[in-house]
């Protein structure tokens, strides 16, 4: 069976409106490396070898789901580090979340959500081994 896209890097796209706030958040708070600025089109970041393009829009269309997520080895430490940098984690009344805002899924995964300055939902998560051996 052909690999089609399975062997190629993915590019993440997120729409932003407030460029300066996005630059500060994605660079200073989240620690991504700004690769280049392409006004009026995008800010381009490196997220551990993955290209993240923050598209410069005039308005952000509402989207209810998570647009970007990072798999981390220790979610408790990641949430604590981000919270210390000023990130506020979302609370959802329909999910049992711990004091840090972390939800433990039935399969043992753990997830915590937060928003960027433009209201995009982002997440950090920790998963039991899921990749095929």
N, C-alpha and C. Protein backbone atom coordinates (compact mmCIF):
# COMPACT_ATOMS: atom_id res chain seq x y z
N UNK A 1 0.86 -1.17 0.00
CA UNK A 1 0.00 0.00 0.00
C UNK A 1 0.91 1.24 0.00
N UNK A 2 0.62 2.22 -0.83
CA UNK A 2 1.44 3.44 -0.86
C UNK A 2 1.30 4.22 0.44
N UNK A 3 2.35 4.94 0.79
CA UNK A 3 2.34 5.74 2.01
C UNK A 3 1.56 7.03 1.85
N UNK A 4 1.32 7.42 0.61
CA UNK A 4 0.65 8.67 0.30
C UNK A 4 1.24 9.81 1.10
N UNK A 5 0.58 10.27 2.14
CA UNK A 5 1.10 11.39 2.93
C UNK A 5 1.72 10.95 4.25
N UNK A 6 1.70 9.67 4.53
CA UNK A 6 2.19 9.15 5.81
C UNK A 6 3.66 9.38 6.09
N UNK A 7 4.45 9.65 5.07
CA UNK A 7 5.88 9.87 5.27
C UNK A 7 6.28 11.34 5.18
N UNK A 8 5.32 12.21 5.07
CA UNK A 8 5.61 13.63 4.90
C UNK A 8 5.22 14.42 6.13
N UNK A 9 5.94 15.51 6.36
CA UNK A 9 5.65 16.38 7.51
C UNK A 9 4.31 17.08 7.32
N UNK A 10 3.66 17.29 8.42
CA UNK A 10 2.40 18.01 8.43
C UNK A 10 2.68 19.49 8.69
N UNK A 11 1.84 20.37 8.20
CA UNK A 11 1.91 21.80 8.47
C UNK A 11 0.63 22.17 9.19
N UNK A 12 0.77 22.88 10.30
CA UNK A 12 -0.39 23.32 11.06
C UNK A 12 -0.75 24.74 10.66
N UNK A 13 -2.05 25.01 10.53
CA UNK A 13 -2.55 26.33 10.16
C UNK A 13 -3.52 26.82 11.23
N UNK A 14 -3.33 28.06 11.67
CA UNK A 14 -4.21 28.68 12.65
C UNK A 14 -4.44 30.12 12.19
N UNK A 15 -5.67 30.58 12.26
CA UNK A 15 -5.96 31.97 11.89
C UNK A 15 -5.84 32.86 13.12
N UNK A 16 -5.13 33.97 12.95
CA UNK A 16 -5.00 34.97 14.01
C UNK A 16 -5.48 36.31 13.48
N UNK A 17 -5.81 37.21 14.38
CA UNK A 17 -6.22 38.56 14.00
C UNK A 17 -5.24 39.57 14.60
N UNK A 18 -4.93 39.43 15.87
CA UNK A 18 -4.04 40.35 16.55
C UNK A 18 -2.61 39.82 16.44
N UNK A 19 -1.88 40.31 15.45
CA UNK A 19 -0.54 39.80 15.13
C UNK A 19 0.42 39.99 16.29
N UNK A 20 0.45 41.15 16.90
CA UNK A 20 1.40 41.40 17.98
C UNK A 20 1.14 40.52 19.20
N UNK A 21 -0.12 40.36 19.56
CA UNK A 21 -0.44 39.48 20.69
C UNK A 21 -0.09 38.03 20.35
N UNK A 22 -0.35 37.62 19.11
CA UNK A 22 -0.02 36.25 18.69
C UNK A 22 1.49 36.03 18.73
N UNK A 23 2.26 37.00 18.27
CA UNK A 23 3.72 36.88 18.31
C UNK A 23 4.22 36.69 19.74
N UNK A 24 3.71 37.48 20.65
CA UNK A 24 4.12 37.38 22.05
C UNK A 24 3.69 36.03 22.64
N UNK A 25 2.47 35.60 22.34
CA UNK A 25 1.96 34.36 22.92
C UNK A 25 2.69 33.13 22.37
N UNK A 26 2.73 32.99 21.06
CA UNK A 26 3.34 31.80 20.47
C UNK A 26 4.85 31.76 20.66
N UNK A 27 5.48 32.93 20.66
CA UNK A 27 6.92 32.98 20.85
C UNK A 27 7.34 32.99 22.31
N UNK A 28 6.88 33.98 23.07
CA UNK A 28 7.33 34.14 24.45
C UNK A 28 6.66 33.17 25.42
N UNK A 29 5.36 32.98 25.30
CA UNK A 29 4.64 32.13 26.25
C UNK A 29 4.80 30.65 25.92
N UNK A 30 4.53 30.28 24.64
CA UNK A 30 4.62 28.87 24.26
C UNK A 30 6.03 28.43 23.89
N UNK A 31 6.90 29.38 23.59
CA UNK A 31 8.29 29.03 23.31
C UNK A 31 8.58 28.52 21.91
N UNK A 32 7.70 28.83 20.94
CA UNK A 32 7.97 28.43 19.56
C UNK A 32 8.93 29.43 18.94
N UNK A 33 9.75 28.96 18.01
CA UNK A 33 10.73 29.81 17.34
C UNK A 33 10.12 30.42 16.09
N UNK A 34 10.10 31.77 16.04
CA UNK A 34 9.60 32.48 14.86
C UNK A 34 10.62 32.32 13.75
N UNK A 35 10.20 31.74 12.63
CA UNK A 35 11.08 31.49 11.50
C UNK A 35 11.07 32.68 10.56
N UNK A 36 9.86 33.17 10.26
CA UNK A 36 9.76 34.35 9.40
C UNK A 36 8.38 34.97 9.50
N UNK A 37 8.36 36.24 9.12
CA UNK A 37 7.10 36.97 9.05
C UNK A 37 6.80 37.21 7.58
N UNK A 38 5.57 36.94 7.17
CA UNK A 38 5.16 37.11 5.78
C UNK A 38 3.92 38.00 5.71
N UNK A 39 4.03 39.28 6.19
CA UNK A 39 2.85 40.14 6.14
C UNK A 39 2.44 40.42 4.71
N UNK A 40 1.19 40.48 4.41
CA UNK A 40 0.03 40.37 5.29
C UNK A 40 -0.54 38.96 5.34
N UNK A 41 0.31 37.94 5.14
CA UNK A 41 -0.19 36.57 5.04
C UNK A 41 -0.06 35.74 6.31
N UNK A 42 1.16 35.66 6.87
CA UNK A 42 1.34 34.72 7.98
C UNK A 42 2.58 35.01 8.80
N UNK A 43 2.56 34.50 10.03
CA UNK A 43 3.75 34.34 10.85
C UNK A 43 4.07 32.86 10.78
N UNK A 44 5.34 32.52 10.58
CA UNK A 44 5.73 31.11 10.44
C UNK A 44 6.61 30.73 11.63
N UNK A 45 6.18 29.70 12.36
CA UNK A 45 6.90 29.22 13.54
C UNK A 45 7.38 27.79 13.33
N UNK A 46 8.43 27.44 14.07
CA UNK A 46 8.92 26.06 14.11
C UNK A 46 8.49 25.48 15.45
N UNK A 47 7.74 24.39 15.40
CA UNK A 47 7.32 23.68 16.61
C UNK A 47 7.96 22.30 16.57
N UNK A 48 9.22 22.23 16.98
CA UNK A 48 9.95 20.96 17.02
C UNK A 48 9.97 20.28 15.65
N UNK A 49 10.27 21.06 14.61
CA UNK A 49 10.36 20.52 13.26
C UNK A 49 9.06 20.56 12.48
N UNK A 50 7.98 20.98 13.09
CA UNK A 50 6.69 21.10 12.41
C UNK A 50 6.43 22.58 12.14
N UNK A 51 6.07 22.90 10.91
CA UNK A 51 5.76 24.28 10.56
C UNK A 51 4.37 24.64 11.07
N UNK A 52 4.29 25.75 11.79
CA UNK A 52 3.01 26.30 12.25
C UNK A 52 2.86 27.65 11.57
N UNK A 53 1.87 27.76 10.70
CA UNK A 53 1.59 29.02 9.99
C UNK A 53 0.39 29.70 10.65
N UNK A 54 0.64 30.87 11.21
CA UNK A 54 -0.43 31.66 11.79
C UNK A 54 -0.90 32.63 10.72
N UNK A 55 -2.00 32.29 10.09
CA UNK A 55 -2.53 33.11 9.01
C UNK A 55 -3.13 34.39 9.53
N UNK A 56 -2.69 35.51 8.96
CA UNK A 56 -3.18 36.82 9.39
C UNK A 56 -4.53 37.09 8.74
N UNK A 57 -5.58 37.08 9.55
CA UNK A 57 -6.92 37.31 9.04
C UNK A 57 -7.50 38.61 9.56
N UNK A 58 -8.55 39.04 8.93
CA UNK A 58 -9.25 40.25 9.40
C UNK A 58 -10.22 39.89 10.53
N UNK A 59 -10.68 38.65 10.53
CA UNK A 59 -11.53 38.15 11.61
C UNK A 59 -11.34 36.64 11.68
N UNK A 60 -11.56 36.11 12.87
CA UNK A 60 -11.44 34.66 13.07
C UNK A 60 -12.83 34.06 13.04
N UNK A 61 -13.01 33.09 12.19
CA UNK A 61 -14.30 32.42 12.12
C UNK A 61 -14.44 31.51 13.35
N UNK A 62 -15.59 31.51 13.99
CA UNK A 62 -15.77 30.67 15.17
C UNK A 62 -15.55 29.19 14.84
N UNK A 63 -14.80 28.53 15.70
CA UNK A 63 -14.57 27.10 15.58
C UNK A 63 -14.56 26.54 16.99
N UNK A 64 -15.33 25.52 17.24
CA UNK A 64 -15.52 25.02 18.59
C UNK A 64 -14.46 24.02 19.04
N UNK A 65 -13.73 23.42 18.13
CA UNK A 65 -12.79 22.37 18.52
C UNK A 65 -11.38 22.87 18.72
N UNK A 66 -10.52 21.95 19.09
CA UNK A 66 -9.10 22.23 19.28
C UNK A 66 -8.44 22.38 17.91
N UNK A 67 -7.64 23.44 17.74
CA UNK A 67 -6.97 23.66 16.46
C UNK A 67 -5.52 23.22 16.47
N UNK A 68 -4.87 23.24 17.62
CA UNK A 68 -3.48 22.79 17.76
C UNK A 68 -3.34 22.07 19.10
N UNK A 69 -2.54 21.03 19.11
CA UNK A 69 -2.27 20.34 20.35
C UNK A 69 -0.85 19.81 20.37
N UNK A 70 -0.28 19.74 21.55
CA UNK A 70 1.07 19.23 21.72
C UNK A 70 1.02 18.00 22.60
N UNK A 71 1.66 16.91 22.16
CA UNK A 71 1.81 15.73 22.98
C UNK A 71 3.05 15.93 23.84
N UNK A 72 2.88 15.85 25.15
CA UNK A 72 3.97 16.09 26.08
C UNK A 72 4.20 14.82 26.91
N UNK A 73 5.44 14.63 27.40
CA UNK A 73 5.71 13.42 28.19
C UNK A 73 5.15 13.49 29.61
N UNK A 74 4.99 14.71 30.15
CA UNK A 74 4.50 14.89 31.52
C UNK A 74 3.53 16.06 31.53
N UNK A 75 2.25 15.76 31.44
CA UNK A 75 1.24 16.82 31.31
C UNK A 75 1.17 17.68 32.57
N UNK A 76 1.36 17.09 33.72
CA UNK A 76 1.31 17.87 34.96
C UNK A 76 2.38 18.95 34.95
N UNK A 77 3.59 18.59 34.55
CA UNK A 77 4.69 19.55 34.49
C UNK A 77 4.44 20.59 33.40
N UNK A 78 3.93 20.16 32.24
CA UNK A 78 3.66 21.09 31.14
C UNK A 78 2.60 22.11 31.53
N UNK A 79 1.54 21.66 32.17
CA UNK A 79 0.47 22.57 32.59
C UNK A 79 1.00 23.55 33.64
N UNK A 80 1.79 23.06 34.57
CA UNK A 80 2.35 23.94 35.60
C UNK A 80 3.26 25.00 34.97
N UNK A 81 4.10 24.59 34.01
CA UNK A 81 5.00 25.54 33.36
C UNK A 81 4.23 26.59 32.56
N UNK A 82 3.21 26.16 31.82
CA UNK A 82 2.41 27.11 31.05
C UNK A 82 1.61 28.04 31.97
N UNK A 83 1.07 27.50 33.04
CA UNK A 83 0.32 28.33 33.99
C UNK A 83 1.23 29.38 34.62
N UNK A 84 2.47 29.00 34.90
CA UNK A 84 3.43 29.97 35.46
C UNK A 84 3.75 31.07 34.46
N UNK A 85 3.61 30.77 33.16
CA UNK A 85 3.85 31.77 32.11
C UNK A 85 2.60 32.60 31.81
N UNK A 86 1.51 32.35 32.56
CA UNK A 86 0.30 33.15 32.40
C UNK A 86 -0.82 32.49 31.63
N UNK A 87 -0.65 31.25 31.20
CA UNK A 87 -1.71 30.55 30.46
C UNK A 87 -2.82 30.16 31.44
N UNK A 88 -4.06 30.41 31.04
CA UNK A 88 -5.23 30.04 31.84
C UNK A 88 -5.88 28.84 31.16
N UNK A 89 -6.07 27.78 31.91
CA UNK A 89 -6.64 26.56 31.34
C UNK A 89 -8.15 26.58 31.44
N UNK A 90 -8.78 26.03 30.41
CA UNK A 90 -10.23 26.00 30.30
C UNK A 90 -10.83 24.99 31.26
N UNK A 91 -12.01 25.30 31.74
CA UNK A 91 -12.78 24.38 32.59
C UNK A 91 -14.08 24.07 31.88
N UNK A 92 -14.39 22.80 31.77
CA UNK A 92 -15.61 22.36 31.11
C UNK A 92 -16.46 21.60 32.14
N UNK A 93 -17.65 22.10 32.41
CA UNK A 93 -18.52 21.50 33.41
C UNK A 93 -18.93 20.07 33.10
N UNK A 94 -18.85 19.67 31.84
CA UNK A 94 -19.29 18.33 31.47
C UNK A 94 -18.15 17.30 31.53
N UNK A 95 -16.92 17.74 31.90
CA UNK A 95 -15.79 16.83 32.02
C UNK A 95 -15.24 16.87 33.44
N UNK A 96 -14.90 15.71 33.99
CA UNK A 96 -14.25 15.71 35.31
C UNK A 96 -12.76 16.07 35.16
N UNK A 97 -12.41 17.30 35.50
CA UNK A 97 -11.03 17.77 35.40
C UNK A 97 -10.44 17.94 36.79
N UNK A 98 -9.14 17.72 36.91
CA UNK A 98 -8.50 17.90 38.21
C UNK A 98 -8.25 19.38 38.49
N UNK A 99 -7.55 19.66 39.58
CA UNK A 99 -7.34 21.05 39.99
C UNK A 99 -6.54 21.86 38.98
N UNK A 100 -5.75 21.20 38.11
CA UNK A 100 -4.99 21.91 37.08
C UNK A 100 -5.79 22.07 35.78
N UNK A 101 -6.96 21.45 35.72
CA UNK A 101 -7.76 21.50 34.49
C UNK A 101 -7.49 20.32 33.57
N UNK A 102 -6.85 19.28 34.07
CA UNK A 102 -6.50 18.11 33.27
C UNK A 102 -7.64 17.09 33.35
N UNK A 103 -8.04 16.60 32.17
CA UNK A 103 -9.07 15.56 32.08
C UNK A 103 -8.39 14.24 31.76
N UNK A 104 -8.71 13.19 32.50
CA UNK A 104 -8.21 11.85 32.23
C UNK A 104 -9.27 11.10 31.44
N UNK A 105 -8.92 10.66 30.23
CA UNK A 105 -9.86 9.96 29.36
C UNK A 105 -10.00 8.50 29.78
N UNK A 106 -11.02 7.82 29.29
CA UNK A 106 -11.18 6.41 29.65
C UNK A 106 -10.00 5.52 29.24
N UNK A 107 -9.25 5.89 28.19
CA UNK A 107 -8.12 5.05 27.77
C UNK A 107 -6.81 5.40 28.49
N UNK A 108 -6.86 6.36 29.43
CA UNK A 108 -5.67 6.73 30.17
C UNK A 108 -4.95 7.95 29.63
N UNK A 109 -5.42 8.50 28.52
CA UNK A 109 -4.85 9.75 28.02
C UNK A 109 -5.25 10.88 28.95
N UNK A 110 -4.48 11.97 28.92
CA UNK A 110 -4.79 13.14 29.72
C UNK A 110 -4.69 14.36 28.82
N UNK A 111 -5.64 15.30 28.99
CA UNK A 111 -5.71 16.48 28.13
C UNK A 111 -6.06 17.71 28.96
N UNK A 112 -5.45 18.84 28.58
CA UNK A 112 -5.82 20.13 29.16
C UNK A 112 -5.87 21.14 28.02
N UNK A 113 -6.87 22.02 28.06
CA UNK A 113 -7.10 22.98 26.98
C UNK A 113 -6.87 24.41 27.44
N UNK A 114 -6.45 25.25 26.50
CA UNK A 114 -6.28 26.68 26.76
C UNK A 114 -6.50 27.43 25.46
N UNK A 115 -6.63 28.74 25.55
CA UNK A 115 -6.90 29.55 24.36
C UNK A 115 -5.73 30.49 24.08
N UNK A 116 -5.54 30.78 22.78
CA UNK A 116 -4.56 31.80 22.40
C UNK A 116 -5.25 33.17 22.46
N UNK A 117 -4.53 34.26 22.22
CA UNK A 117 -5.16 35.58 22.33
C UNK A 117 -6.34 35.82 21.39
N UNK A 118 -6.43 35.07 20.30
CA UNK A 118 -7.55 35.22 19.37
C UNK A 118 -8.69 34.26 19.65
N UNK A 119 -8.60 33.49 20.73
CA UNK A 119 -9.67 32.59 21.10
C UNK A 119 -9.59 31.20 20.49
N UNK A 120 -8.50 30.88 19.78
CA UNK A 120 -8.32 29.53 19.26
C UNK A 120 -8.04 28.58 20.42
N UNK A 121 -8.67 27.42 20.40
CA UNK A 121 -8.47 26.43 21.46
C UNK A 121 -7.25 25.58 21.13
N UNK A 122 -6.32 25.51 22.08
CA UNK A 122 -5.10 24.73 21.97
C UNK A 122 -5.10 23.71 23.10
N UNK A 123 -4.24 22.70 23.01
CA UNK A 123 -4.20 21.71 24.08
C UNK A 123 -2.80 21.15 24.28
N UNK A 124 -2.60 20.58 25.45
CA UNK A 124 -1.47 19.71 25.72
C UNK A 124 -2.07 18.38 26.13
N UNK A 125 -1.41 17.30 25.76
CA UNK A 125 -1.94 15.98 26.11
C UNK A 125 -0.81 14.99 26.33
N UNK A 126 -1.12 13.98 27.10
CA UNK A 126 -0.20 12.88 27.37
C UNK A 126 -0.96 11.61 27.07
N UNK A 127 -0.34 10.72 26.30
CA UNK A 127 -1.04 9.52 25.85
C UNK A 127 -0.25 8.27 26.20
N UNK A 128 -0.96 7.19 26.51
CA UNK A 128 -0.26 5.91 26.61
C UNK A 128 0.27 5.58 25.22
N UNK A 129 1.20 4.69 25.12
CA UNK A 129 1.78 4.34 23.82
C UNK A 129 0.66 4.04 22.83
N UNK A 130 0.62 4.77 21.74
CA UNK A 130 -0.45 4.61 20.75
C UNK A 130 0.11 4.28 19.37
N UNK A 131 1.37 4.57 19.14
CA UNK A 131 1.93 4.34 17.81
C UNK A 131 2.09 2.85 17.56
N UNK A 132 1.83 2.44 16.35
CA UNK A 132 1.96 1.04 15.99
C UNK A 132 3.42 0.61 16.10
N UNK A 133 3.64 -0.55 16.65
CA UNK A 133 5.01 -1.05 16.82
C UNK A 133 5.56 -1.56 15.51
